[in-house]
Amino acid sequence: MTHLQNADGQGQLLIGERLSPMSYHVTVEQQDARYTATVEMQAPRDWLIRQGFQSKATLVLASGDRVEVEHDGPVDVSDSISVLLQSHPVAYADLDALVAAFPEIDEAPA
């Protein structure tokens, strides 16, 4: 895989029935003609606990696409004050599909 681009985006984190604005970071890699995007974000531990977060949530992107993000197990007060949530790599058949999902990615990756 070849690393192509990093970008920051703004979406909404869905925990239970509640949507909350959330910034995220996306990393794009290319293998042959296919692209993968991996999303990660930092969220305040105490806020996640108050929202009822267990170990998985859904990030709603500006495009309307959804990406599942997770933490390695339930979040509790023993976790770091800032909790890393990550997605598994999401595959896209071509650059157009990737840009449709992540408009913050430039059409011509650097």
C-alpha atoms as a PDB file:
ATOM      1  CA  MET A   1       0.000   0.000   0.000  1.00  0.00           C
ATOM      2  CA  THR A   2       1.119   3.521  -0.753  1.00  0.00           C
ATOM      3  CA  HIS A   3       0.210   6.332   1.612  1.00  0.00           C
ATOM      4  CA  LEU A   4      -1.438   9.127  -0.384  1.00  0.00           C
ATOM      5  CA  GLN A   5      -2.966  11.757   1.829  1.00  0.00           C
ATOM      6  CA  ASN A   6      -4.119  12.835   5.265  1.00  0.00           C
ATOM      7  CA  ALA A   7      -7.027  15.186   5.771  1.00  0.00           C
ATOM      8  CA  ASP A   8      -9.171  16.506   8.577  1.00  0.00           C
ATOM      9  CA  GLY A   9     -12.929  16.542   8.382  1.00  0.00           C
ATOM     10  CA  GLN A  10     -15.982  17.436  10.372  1.00  0.00           C
ATOM     11  CA  GLY A  11     -18.769  14.941  10.961  1.00  0.00           C
ATOM     12  CA  GLN A  12     -21.215  13.890  13.633  1.00  0.00           C
ATOM     13  CA  LEU A  13     -20.711  11.058  16.067  1.00  0.00           C
ATOM     14  CA  LEU A  14     -23.816   8.948  16.630  1.00  0.00           C
ATOM     15  CA  ILE A  15     -23.937   7.284  20.042  1.00  0.00           C
ATOM     16  CA  GLY A  16     -27.279   5.675  20.731  1.00  0.00           C
ATOM     17  CA  GLU A  17     -29.819   8.162  19.380  1.00  0.00           C
ATOM     18  CA  ARG A  18     -27.626  11.253  19.936  1.00  0.00           C
ATOM     19  CA  LEU A  19     -25.621  13.069  17.238  1.00  0.00           C
ATOM     20  CA  SER A  20     -22.728  15.308  18.326  1.00  0.00           C
ATOM     21  CA  PRO A  21     -20.337  17.331  16.116  1.00  0.00           C
ATOM     22  CA  MET A  22     -16.914  15.712  15.963  1.00  0.00           C
ATOM     23  CA  SER A  23     -13.681  16.407  14.095  1.00  0.00           C
ATOM     24  CA  TYR A  24     -11.834  13.445  12.625  1.00  0.00           C
ATOM     25  CA  HIS A  25      -8.671  12.610  10.728  1.00  0.00           C
ATOM     26  CA  VAL A  26      -8.688  10.413   7.623  1.00  0.00           C
ATOM     27  CA  THR A  27      -5.678   8.625   6.144  1.00  0.00           C
ATOM     28  CA  VAL A  28      -5.867   7.474   2.515  1.00  0.00           C
ATOM     29  CA  GLU A  29      -3.771   4.697   1.002  1.00  0.00           C
ATOM     30  CA  GLN A  30      -3.726   3.248  -2.499  1.00  0.00           C
ATOM     31  CA  GLN A  31      -3.051  -0.280  -3.653  1.00  0.00           C
ATOM     32  CA  ASP A  32      -3.214  -0.676  -7.419  1.00  0.00           C
ATOM     33  CA  ALA A  33      -6.447   1.061  -8.505  1.00  0.00           C
ATOM     34  CA  ARG A  34      -8.181   0.663  -5.123  1.00  0.00           C
ATOM     35  CA  TYR A  35      -8.189   3.120  -2.249  1.00  0.00           C
ATOM     36  CA  THR A  36      -8.666   2.647   1.485  1.00  0.00           C
ATOM     37  CA  ALA A  37      -9.567   5.250   4.064  1.00  0.00           C
ATOM     38  CA  THR A  38      -9.005   4.887   7.798  1.00  0.00           C
ATOM     39  CA  VAL A  39     -10.660   7.314  10.188  1.00  0.00           C
ATOM     40  CA  GLU A  40      -9.504   8.192  13.677  1.00  0.00           C
ATOM     41  CA  MET A  41     -10.506  10.759  16.252  1.00  0.00           C
ATOM     42  CA  GLN A  42      -9.827  11.718  19.839  1.00  0.00           C
ATOM     43  CA  ALA A  43     -12.808  12.148  22.152  1.00  0.00           C
ATOM     44  CA  PRO A  44     -12.930  13.150  25.817  1.00  0.00           C
ATOM     45  CA  ARG A  45     -13.280  10.073  28.015  1.00  0.00           C
ATOM     46  CA  ASP A  46     -15.769  11.615  30.454  1.00  0.00           C
ATOM     47  CA  TRP A  47     -17.928  12.931  27.619  1.00  0.00           C
ATOM     48  CA  LEU A  48     -18.014   9.452  26.014  1.00  0.00           C
ATOM     49  CA  ILE A  49     -19.050   7.901  29.319  1.00  0.00           C
ATOM     50  CA  ARG A  50     -21.847  10.494  29.768  1.00  0.00           C
ATOM     51  CA  GLN A  51     -23.076   9.741  26.226  1.00  0.00           C
ATOM     52  CA  GLY A  52     -23.368   6.034  27.070  1.00  0.00           C
ATOM     53  CA  PHE A  53     -20.538   4.997  24.732  1.00  0.00           C
ATOM     54  CA  GLN A  54     -19.454   1.396  25.222  1.00  0.00           C
ATOM     55  CA  SER A  55     -16.910   0.468  22.547  1.00  0.00           C
ATOM     56  CA  LYS A  56     -18.474   1.342  19.156  1.00  0.00           C
ATOM     57  CA  ALA A  57     -20.160   4.349  17.560  1.00  0.00           C
ATOM     58  CA  THR A  58     -21.046   5.567  14.082  1.00  0.00           C
ATOM     59  CA  LEU A  59     -19.417   8.581  12.483  1.00  0.00           C
ATOM     60  CA  VAL A  60     -21.743  10.339  10.039  1.00  0.00           C
ATOM     61  CA  LEU A  61     -19.579  12.084   7.452  1.00  0.00           C
ATOM     62  CA  ALA A  62     -20.454  15.399   5.785  1.00  0.00           C
ATOM     63  CA  SER A  63     -21.316  13.348   2.682  1.00  0.00           C
ATOM     64  CA  GLY A  64     -23.915  11.385   4.675  1.00  0.00           C
ATOM     65  CA  ASP A  65     -21.853   8.181   4.515  1.00  0.00           C
ATOM     66  CA  ARG A  66     -21.386   6.320   7.787  1.00  0.00           C
ATOM     67  CA  VAL A  67     -18.245   4.759   9.211  1.00  0.00           C
ATOM     68  CA  GLU A  68     -18.118   2.640  12.353  1.00  0.00           C
ATOM     69  CA  VAL A  69     -15.428   3.681  14.831  1.00  0.00           C
ATOM     70  CA  GLU A  70     -14.422   1.732  17.883  1.00  0.00           C
ATOM     71  CA  HIS A  71     -12.296   1.637  20.998  1.00  0.00           C
ATOM     72  CA  ASP A  72     -10.659  -1.560  22.211  1.00  0.00           C
ATOM     73  CA  GLY A  73     -13.248  -2.300  24.872  1.00  0.00           C
ATOM     74  CA  PRO A  74     -15.619  -0.348  27.100  1.00  0.00           C
ATOM     75  CA  VAL A  75     -14.517   3.152  28.110  1.00  0.00           C
ATOM     76  CA  ASP A  76     -14.265   3.803  31.838  1.00  0.00           C
ATOM     77  CA  VAL A  77     -12.491   6.167  34.229  1.00  0.00           C
ATOM     78  CA  SER A  78      -9.299   4.096  34.074  1.00  0.00           C
ATOM     79  CA  ASP A  79      -8.851   5.076  30.396  1.00  0.00           C
ATOM     80  CA  SER A  80      -6.777   8.046  29.306  1.00  0.00           C
ATOM     81  CA  ILE A  81      -8.594  11.389  29.477  1.00  0.00           C
ATOM     82  CA  SER A  82      -8.589  11.465  25.659  1.00  0.00           C
ATOM     83  CA  VAL A  83      -9.798   8.267  24.002  1.00  0.00           C
ATOM     84  CA  LEU A  84      -8.767   7.191  20.505  1.00  0.00           C
ATOM     85  CA  LEU A  85     -11.604   5.921  18.292  1.00  0.00           C
ATOM     86  CA  GLN A  86     -10.625   4.272  14.987  1.00  0.00           C
ATOM     87  CA  SER A  87     -12.299   2.655  12.012  1.00  0.00           C
ATOM     88  CA  HIS A  88     -11.184  -0.399  10.166  1.00  0.00           C
ATOM     89  CA  PRO A  89      -9.901   0.475   6.675  1.00  0.00           C
ATOM     90  CA  VAL A  90     -12.820   1.172   4.326  1.00  0.00           C
ATOM     91  CA  ALA A  91     -12.224   0.154   0.689  1.00  0.00           C
ATOM     92  CA  TYR A  92     -13.253   2.219  -2.342  1.00  0.00           C
ATOM     93  CA  ALA A  93     -13.129   0.991  -5.934  1.00  0.00           C
ATOM     94  CA  ASP A  94     -11.877   4.298  -7.332  1.00  0.00           C
ATOM     95  CA  LEU A  95     -10.936   7.868  -6.473  1.00  0.00           C
ATOM     96  CA  ASP A  96     -14.397   9.210  -7.353  1.00  0.00           C
ATOM     97  CA  ALA A  97     -16.052   6.933  -4.778  1.00  0.00           C
ATOM     98  CA  LEU A  98     -13.480   7.938  -2.164  1.00  0.00           C
ATOM     99  CA  VAL A  99     -13.961  11.673  -2.792  1.00  0.00           C
ATOM    100  CA  ALA A 100     -17.753  11.241  -2.744  1.00  0.00           C
ATOM    101  CA  ALA A 101     -17.487   9.766   0.769  1.00  0.00           C
ATOM    102  CA  PHE A 102     -14.736  12.124   1.978  1.00  0.00           C
ATOM    103  CA  PRO A 103     -15.121  15.489   0.206  1.00  0.00           C
ATOM    104  CA  GLU A 104     -12.215  16.847   2.252  1.00  0.00           C
ATOM    105  CA  ILE A 105      -9.870  14.661   0.179  1.00  0.00           C
ATOM    106  CA  ASP A 106      -8.456  16.493  -2.805  1.00  0.00           C
ATOM    107  CA  GLU A 107      -9.188  15.025  -6.228  1.00  0.00           C
ATOM    108  CA  ALA A 108      -5.448  14.918  -6.906  1.00  0.00           C
ATOM    109  CA  PRO A 109      -3.865  13.290  -3.834  1.00  0.00           C
ATOM    110  CA  ALA A 110      -0.413  14.526  -2.915  1.00  0.00           C
END
